[in-house]
């Protein structure tokens, strides 16, 4: 395995932990945004492998309070 491939490899247990934490944060932040009347929500997130791995949140404006 090349060094570049090794850097992109994330163990399953680490990926599960990162995704779980990101999903929980997304829910908490979206609830607080809604509570504060902000018309923006985290609509998705992306796991980026690396050392250390990182999570990128995508934020979009929403047209109503259904989200």
C-alpha atoms as a PDB file:
ATOM      1  CA  UNK A   1       0.000   0.000   0.000  1.00  0.00           C
ATOM      2  CA  UNK A   2       1.380   3.410  -0.967  1.00  0.00           C
ATOM      3  CA  UNK A   3       1.749   6.123   1.656  1.00  0.00           C
ATOM      4  CA  UNK A   4      -1.017   8.201   0.036  1.00  0.00           C
ATOM      5  CA  UNK A   5      -3.424   5.264   0.161  1.00  0.00           C
ATOM      6  CA  UNK A   6      -2.563   4.606   3.794  1.00  0.00           C
ATOM      7  CA  UNK A   7      -3.369   8.230   4.717  1.00  0.00           C
ATOM      8  CA  UNK A   8      -6.801   7.889   3.095  1.00  0.00           C
ATOM      9  CA  UNK A   9      -7.613   4.676   4.938  1.00  0.00           C
ATOM     10  CA  UNK A  10      -9.778   5.217   8.026  1.00  0.00           C
ATOM     11  CA  UNK A  11     -10.600   2.285  10.264  1.00  0.00           C
ATOM     12  CA  UNK A  12     -14.294   1.451  10.370  1.00  0.00           C
ATOM     13  CA  UNK A  13     -14.583   2.080  14.121  1.00  0.00           C
ATOM     14  CA  UNK A  14     -13.017   5.532  13.745  1.00  0.00           C
ATOM     15  CA  UNK A  15     -15.333   6.387  10.819  1.00  0.00           C
ATOM     16  CA  UNK A  16     -18.382   5.263  12.818  1.00  0.00           C
ATOM     17  CA  UNK A  17     -17.358   7.407  15.800  1.00  0.00           C
ATOM     18  CA  UNK A  18     -16.740  10.472  13.603  1.00  0.00           C
ATOM     19  CA  UNK A  19     -20.025  10.084  11.721  1.00  0.00           C
ATOM     20  CA  UNK A  20     -21.982   9.603  14.959  1.00  0.00           C
ATOM     21  CA  UNK A  21     -20.464  12.713  16.533  1.00  0.00           C
ATOM     22  CA  UNK A  22     -21.034  14.761  13.365  1.00  0.00           C
ATOM     23  CA  UNK A  23     -24.691  13.684  13.148  1.00  0.00           C
ATOM     24  CA  UNK A  24     -25.260  14.580  16.813  1.00  0.00           C
ATOM     25  CA  UNK A  25     -23.627  17.993  16.336  1.00  0.00           C
ATOM     26  CA  UNK A  26     -25.704  18.609  13.172  1.00  0.00           C
ATOM     27  CA  UNK A  27     -28.919  17.944  15.127  1.00  0.00           C
ATOM     28  CA  UNK A  28     -27.895  20.153  18.083  1.00  0.00           C
ATOM     29  CA  UNK A  29     -26.759  23.065  15.900  1.00  0.00           C
ATOM     30  CA  UNK A  30     -29.844  22.894  13.669  1.00  0.00           C
ATOM     31  CA  UNK A  31     -32.129  22.938  16.716  1.00  0.00           C
ATOM     32  CA  UNK A  32     -30.353  25.990  18.111  1.00  0.00           C
ATOM     33  CA  UNK A  33     -30.400  27.760  14.738  1.00  0.00           C
ATOM     34  CA  UNK A  34     -34.157  27.160  14.466  1.00  0.00           C
ATOM     35  CA  UNK A  35     -34.709  28.313  18.049  1.00  0.00           C
ATOM     36  CA  UNK A  36     -32.821  31.535  17.293  1.00  0.00           C
ATOM     37  CA  UNK A  37     -34.797  32.179  14.117  1.00  0.00           C
ATOM     38  CA  UNK A  38     -31.832  31.685  11.807  1.00  0.00           C
ATOM     39  CA  UNK A  39     -32.873  30.586   8.310  1.00  0.00           C
ATOM     40  CA  UNK A  40     -29.830  28.373   7.794  1.00  0.00           C
ATOM     41  CA  UNK A  41     -29.330  24.705   8.572  1.00  0.00           C
ATOM     42  CA  UNK A  42     -26.550  22.169   8.327  1.00  0.00           C
ATOM     43  CA  UNK A  43     -27.893  20.082   5.455  1.00  0.00           C
ATOM     44  CA  UNK A  44     -25.088  17.556   5.148  1.00  0.00           C
ATOM     45  CA  UNK A  45     -21.581  16.736   6.228  1.00  0.00           C
ATOM     46  CA  UNK A  46     -18.606  15.054   4.651  1.00  0.00           C
ATOM     47  CA  UNK A  47     -15.908  12.929   6.234  1.00  0.00           C
ATOM     48  CA  UNK A  48     -12.489  13.809   4.847  1.00  0.00           C
ATOM     49  CA  UNK A  49      -9.823  11.205   5.474  1.00  0.00           C
ATOM     50  CA  UNK A  50      -6.402  12.393   6.502  1.00  0.00           C
ATOM     51  CA  UNK A  51      -4.196  12.764   9.519  1.00  0.00           C
ATOM     52  CA  UNK A  52      -6.218  13.702  11.444  1.00  0.00           C
ATOM     53  CA  UNK A  53      -9.520  12.998   9.660  1.00  0.00           C
ATOM     54  CA  UNK A  54     -11.860  15.971   9.481  1.00  0.00           C
ATOM     55  CA  UNK A  55     -15.535  16.701   9.020  1.00  0.00           C
ATOM     56  CA  UNK A  56     -16.877  19.459   6.774  1.00  0.00           C
ATOM     57  CA  UNK A  57     -20.394  20.756   7.388  1.00  0.00           C
ATOM     58  CA  UNK A  58     -22.475  22.120   4.494  1.00  0.00           C
ATOM     59  CA  UNK A  59     -24.828  24.956   5.437  1.00  0.00           C
ATOM     60  CA  UNK A  60     -27.773  26.081   3.313  1.00  0.00           C
ATOM     61  CA  UNK A  61     -30.498  28.656   3.758  1.00  0.00           C
ATOM     62  CA  UNK A  62     -33.963  27.192   4.261  1.00  0.00           C
ATOM     63  CA  UNK A  63     -37.141  28.800   3.000  1.00  0.00           C
ATOM     64  CA  UNK A  64     -39.406  27.634   5.841  1.00  0.00           C
ATOM     65  CA  UNK A  65     -39.237  26.228   9.358  1.00  0.00           C
ATOM     66  CA  UNK A  66     -39.972  22.648   8.304  1.00  0.00           C
ATOM     67  CA  UNK A  67     -36.344  21.606   8.811  1.00  0.00           C
END
